[in-house]
Structures are given as structure tokens and as C-alpha cells.
Amino acid sequence: MSQGAYVTLVGYVVQDPRISTTATGRQVAKVRVATTPRYKDDGTGQWRDGETSYFDVTCWNRLAEHAGFSLRKGQPVVVKGKIRTSTYEDKNGQTRNSVDITADTVGHDLSRGVASYSRVQSRRPSSEDDRARAESTGHPEDSGMPADPDEILDEDAIERFGRDLENDELAARAAEEHEENDEAGMAAASVAPF
């Protein structure tokens, strides 16, 4: 088990991801994420924003590529990763603290909106690699590769789920409208003279 401080961060993307490639060919994406806690003011009963904190999130390899395609400024995100703090001196001689997170997982915060997911096809080794792997294991049918993810997915089930979700949303909207009409009718009946 590796040691380290892990965090889950819920916030908003402050800047679009900046993607680059290292000298060794690895992709890296830098994303700036902000969190602003909210609290209820006991005196006024109003919700207020607390002080905003900013975090530098680093994504590597495939996660970096996916973050670059998926994340945009202003979107709500959830980040899980290893946290590291450091101290540095800025150009004015002030001591500053930096909080960096090396992300294991990044996703949109679905409590704040909806997202659309697209599976990215991973690169499969060539059939020559499959044969070499099969020869080394002694099982020609076993190439050592997991089943193709698209073969695992039940497209019909996904489509049914989407239709059911749409029907549930339509039913909820109809129930809300019916309830609003009932309330309006009761309010009109209570003021109507007999």
C-alpha cells in the first residue's frame, strides 16, 4: 500500500486544461480548480459564499487526453487524487503556499448538471503480438487481452435506460404541472363567492 494524502475535491474548472507532452513522450494536462464553500448565515438566514480556494490539478497520460477533450472553464468537477503542498517565494518576495493534486480520477459533478459519456477505444496490439502472447502461454485462444469493451456493453439495455429516463422526466414534469394547476384551482375556489 502506498502512503500519501489522498483527497476528493468538488469544485469548478477555472481555466481550460493546458495539455503538453514531456520529453519522454508522456501527455500531461494542467487544470486549475476552485472550490467555494457555502454556509447559511444564522443572523439573516441567507446563504453566503466562503473564501475560494484554488488547486492545481495534474493529469497524466490517458486521463490528460480525456481531460483535454472533456473539461471546459466553468464546469463543475469532482477530482480524486494525491495531494501535495509546497511553499515558494513569489516575484515580490512574498512566501506563498501551493496545493497540487495529481489526479487519479476526474469527472463532471452530476449533482450540478448532466454530461454525455463516450467510450474511447483503446489501442489493441496487432495480431502478431496476439500470436506471440498465445504461444508464450500455450493457449492459442488466449491472447491475454480482455474482451472488447463494446462486446460487453448491452446497447439495447442502454437505449431502454435512456427511454425510461426520458419517460420518467416527462412524467415528473406532468405531475408538477398537474400539482400547480390543482393549487391554482384551489386558490381560485377559495376566493370565489358562493
Protein backbone atom coordinates (compact mmCIF):
# COMPACT_ATOMS: atom_id res chain seq x y z
CA MET A 1 0.00 0.00 0.00
CA SER A 2 1.41 3.37 -0.96
CA GLN A 3 1.46 6.17 1.54
CA GLY A 4 0.30 9.67 0.86
CA ALA A 5 -2.52 12.07 1.42
CA TYR A 6 -5.48 11.49 -0.88
CA VAL A 7 -8.37 13.92 -1.33
CA THR A 8 -11.65 14.24 -3.14
CA LEU A 9 -12.17 17.76 -4.41
CA VAL A 10 -15.53 19.14 -5.56
CA GLY A 11 -15.31 22.43 -7.42
CA TYR A 12 -15.29 24.25 -10.75
CA VAL A 13 -12.79 24.40 -13.60
CA VAL A 14 -11.20 27.87 -13.53
CA GLN A 15 -9.12 27.55 -16.74
CA ASP A 16 -9.38 25.22 -19.71
CA PRO A 17 -6.87 22.35 -19.42
CA ARG A 18 -3.39 23.03 -20.79
CA ILE A 19 -2.01 19.88 -22.43
CA SER A 20 1.64 19.27 -23.18
CA THR A 21 3.97 16.37 -23.87
CA THR A 22 7.03 15.65 -21.75
CA ALA A 23 10.46 14.91 -23.19
CA THR A 24 9.77 11.20 -22.64
CA GLY A 25 6.53 11.36 -24.67
CA ARG A 26 4.04 11.30 -21.80
CA GLN A 27 1.00 13.57 -22.02
CA VAL A 28 0.27 15.86 -19.09
CA ALA A 29 -2.70 18.18 -18.55
CA LYS A 30 -2.77 21.01 -16.01
CA VAL A 31 -6.21 22.08 -14.80
CA ARG A 32 -6.95 24.83 -12.27
CA VAL A 33 -9.91 24.02 -10.00
CA ALA A 34 -11.58 26.30 -7.44
CA THR A 35 -13.82 25.44 -4.51
CA THR A 36 -16.04 27.88 -2.66
CA PRO A 37 -17.76 26.63 0.48
CA ARG A 38 -21.28 27.88 1.16
CA TYR A 39 -22.75 28.44 4.59
CA LYS A 40 -26.04 29.69 5.97
CA ASP A 41 -25.82 32.97 7.88
CA ASP A 42 -27.68 32.38 11.15
CA GLY A 43 -28.46 36.09 11.51
CA THR A 44 -30.09 36.63 8.12
CA GLY A 45 -30.96 33.07 7.11
CA GLN A 46 -29.30 33.73 3.73
CA TRP A 47 -26.73 31.50 2.05
CA ARG A 48 -23.28 33.07 1.72
CA ASP A 49 -20.10 32.13 -0.11
CA GLY A 50 -16.97 31.46 1.91
CA GLU A 51 -13.40 32.09 0.80
CA THR A 52 -12.47 30.48 -2.52
CA SER A 53 -9.53 28.06 -2.59
CA TYR A 54 -7.61 27.21 -5.77
CA PHE A 55 -5.91 23.93 -6.64
CA ASP A 56 -3.57 22.93 -9.45
CA VAL A 57 -4.62 19.52 -10.76
CA THR A 58 -2.22 17.44 -12.86
CA CYS A 59 -3.49 14.61 -15.07
CA TRP A 60 -1.18 12.15 -16.83
CA ASN A 61 -1.35 10.05 -20.00
CA ARG A 62 -4.85 8.90 -20.98
CA LEU A 63 -6.50 10.93 -18.20
CA ALA A 64 -4.69 14.01 -19.54
CA GLU A 65 -6.01 13.40 -23.04
CA HIS A 66 -9.56 12.81 -21.82
CA ALA A 67 -9.47 15.89 -19.55
CA GLY A 68 -8.34 18.00 -22.51
CA PHE A 69 -11.29 16.80 -24.60
CA SER A 70 -13.88 16.93 -21.83
CA LEU A 71 -13.26 19.81 -19.43
CA ARG A 72 -14.02 23.48 -20.03
CA LYS A 73 -13.85 26.59 -17.89
CA GLY A 74 -16.84 26.94 -15.56
CA GLN A 75 -17.82 23.26 -15.49
CA PRO A 76 -18.39 21.55 -12.12
CA VAL A 77 -15.98 18.68 -11.46
CA VAL A 78 -15.05 16.04 -8.91
CA VAL A 79 -11.34 15.21 -8.61
CA LYS A 80 -9.78 12.34 -6.65
CA GLY A 81 -6.05 12.19 -6.26
CA LYS A 82 -2.91 12.59 -4.22
CA ILE A 83 -2.40 15.99 -2.61
CA ARG A 84 0.94 17.74 -2.13
CA THR A 85 1.65 21.16 -0.65
CA SER A 86 4.72 23.28 -1.25
CA THR A 87 5.99 26.70 -0.27
CA TYR A 88 7.67 29.14 -2.64
CA GLU A 89 8.65 32.77 -2.87
CA ASP A 90 6.84 34.87 -5.48
CA LYS A 91 8.41 37.62 -7.60
CA ASN A 92 7.66 40.21 -4.88
CA GLY A 93 9.46 38.20 -2.22
CA GLN A 94 6.23 37.03 -0.55
CA THR A 95 6.08 33.47 0.79
CA ARG A 96 3.25 31.58 -0.92
CA ASN A 97 1.74 28.13 -0.49
CA SER A 98 0.79 25.93 -3.41
CA VAL A 99 -1.56 22.96 -3.25
CA ASP A 100 -1.17 20.46 -6.08
CA ILE A 101 -3.24 17.37 -6.77
CA THR A 102 -2.07 14.54 -9.02
CA ALA A 103 -5.41 13.18 -10.21
CA ASP A 104 -6.33 9.52 -10.35
CA THR A 105 -9.89 10.32 -11.44
CA VAL A 106 -11.67 13.40 -12.79
CA GLY A 107 -15.33 13.68 -13.73
CA HIS A 108 -18.19 16.09 -14.06
CA ASP A 109 -20.25 16.75 -10.92
CA LEU A 110 -23.63 15.38 -11.97
CA SER A 111 -25.38 16.97 -8.98
CA ARG A 112 -24.91 20.27 -10.85
CA GLY A 113 -25.89 19.19 -14.38
CA VAL A 114 -25.84 16.43 -16.97
CA ALA A 115 -22.97 15.06 -19.05
CA SER A 116 -22.61 12.82 -22.07
CA TYR A 117 -20.16 9.92 -21.86
CA SER A 118 -18.28 8.46 -24.82
CA ARG A 119 -16.13 5.36 -24.51
CA VAL A 120 -12.75 5.76 -26.18
CA GLN A 121 -11.46 2.70 -27.97
CA SER A 122 -8.14 1.60 -26.56
CA ARG A 123 -5.43 0.58 -28.95
CA ARG A 124 -5.21 -3.17 -29.28
CA PRO A 125 -1.94 -4.90 -30.06
CA SER A 126 -1.53 -6.30 -33.57
CA SER A 127 -2.48 -9.89 -34.31
CA GLU A 128 1.26 -10.67 -34.45
CA ASP A 129 1.51 -9.58 -30.80
CA ASP A 130 -1.57 -11.73 -30.02
CA ARG A 131 0.08 -14.80 -31.61
CA ALA A 132 3.33 -14.24 -29.72
CA ARG A 133 1.45 -13.90 -26.42
CA ALA A 134 -0.65 -17.00 -27.17
CA GLU A 135 2.48 -19.04 -27.97
CA SER A 136 4.09 -18.00 -24.68
CA THR A 137 1.01 -19.02 -22.66
CA GLY A 138 0.36 -22.20 -24.61
CA HIS A 139 -3.27 -21.26 -25.23
CA PRO A 140 -3.87 -20.14 -28.81
CA GLU A 141 -7.35 -18.84 -27.95
CA ASP A 142 -5.99 -16.80 -25.03
CA SER A 143 -4.32 -13.67 -26.33
CA GLY A 144 -4.09 -12.19 -22.83
CA MET A 145 -6.38 -9.34 -23.85
CA PRO A 146 -9.64 -8.65 -22.09
CA ALA A 147 -12.83 -8.85 -24.09
CA ASP A 148 -13.55 -5.93 -26.35
CA PRO A 149 -15.45 -3.37 -24.19
CA ASP A 150 -18.02 -2.88 -26.95
CA GLU A 151 -18.82 -6.59 -26.82
CA ILE A 152 -19.52 -6.27 -23.08
CA LEU A 153 -21.95 -3.37 -23.48
CA ASP A 154 -25.62 -4.15 -24.00
CA GLU A 155 -26.59 -1.39 -26.44
CA ASP A 156 -30.30 -2.31 -26.22
CA ALA A 157 -30.24 -2.01 -22.42
CA ILE A 158 -28.56 1.39 -22.66
CA GLU A 159 -31.17 2.56 -25.16
CA ARG A 160 -34.03 1.27 -22.94
CA PHE A 161 -32.48 3.04 -19.95
CA GLY A 162 -32.36 6.30 -21.93
CA ARG A 163 -36.03 5.95 -22.96
CA ASP A 164 -37.06 5.11 -19.37
CA LEU A 165 -35.15 8.14 -18.09
CA GLU A 166 -36.86 10.42 -20.62
CA ASN A 167 -40.28 8.96 -19.72
CA ASP A 168 -39.60 9.47 -16.01
CA GLU A 169 -38.65 13.11 -16.65
CA LEU A 170 -41.81 13.68 -18.72
CA ALA A 171 -43.95 12.07 -16.01
CA ALA A 172 -42.32 14.23 -13.31
CA ARG A 173 -42.95 17.39 -15.36
CA ALA A 174 -46.59 16.40 -15.95
CA ALA A 175 -47.06 15.74 -12.22
CA GLU A 176 -45.59 19.15 -11.38
CA GLU A 177 -47.88 20.89 -13.88
CA HIS A 178 -50.90 18.97 -12.55
CA GLU A 179 -49.98 19.94 -8.99
CA GLU A 180 -49.56 23.60 -9.99
CA ASN A 181 -52.96 23.55 -11.75
CA ASP A 182 -54.59 21.98 -8.67
CA GLU A 183 -53.07 24.63 -6.41
CA ALA A 184 -54.21 27.42 -8.74
CA GLY A 185 -57.71 25.93 -8.90
CA MET A 186 -57.92 25.65 -5.10
CA ALA A 187 -56.71 29.24 -4.69
CA ALA A 188 -59.35 30.46 -7.17
CA ALA A 189 -62.08 28.43 -5.45
CA SER A 190 -61.15 29.84 -2.03
CA VAL A 191 -61.68 33.45 -3.18
CA ALA A 192 -64.72 32.84 -5.38
CA PRO A 193 -68.00 33.98 -3.79
CA PHE A 194 -70.80 31.45 -3.31
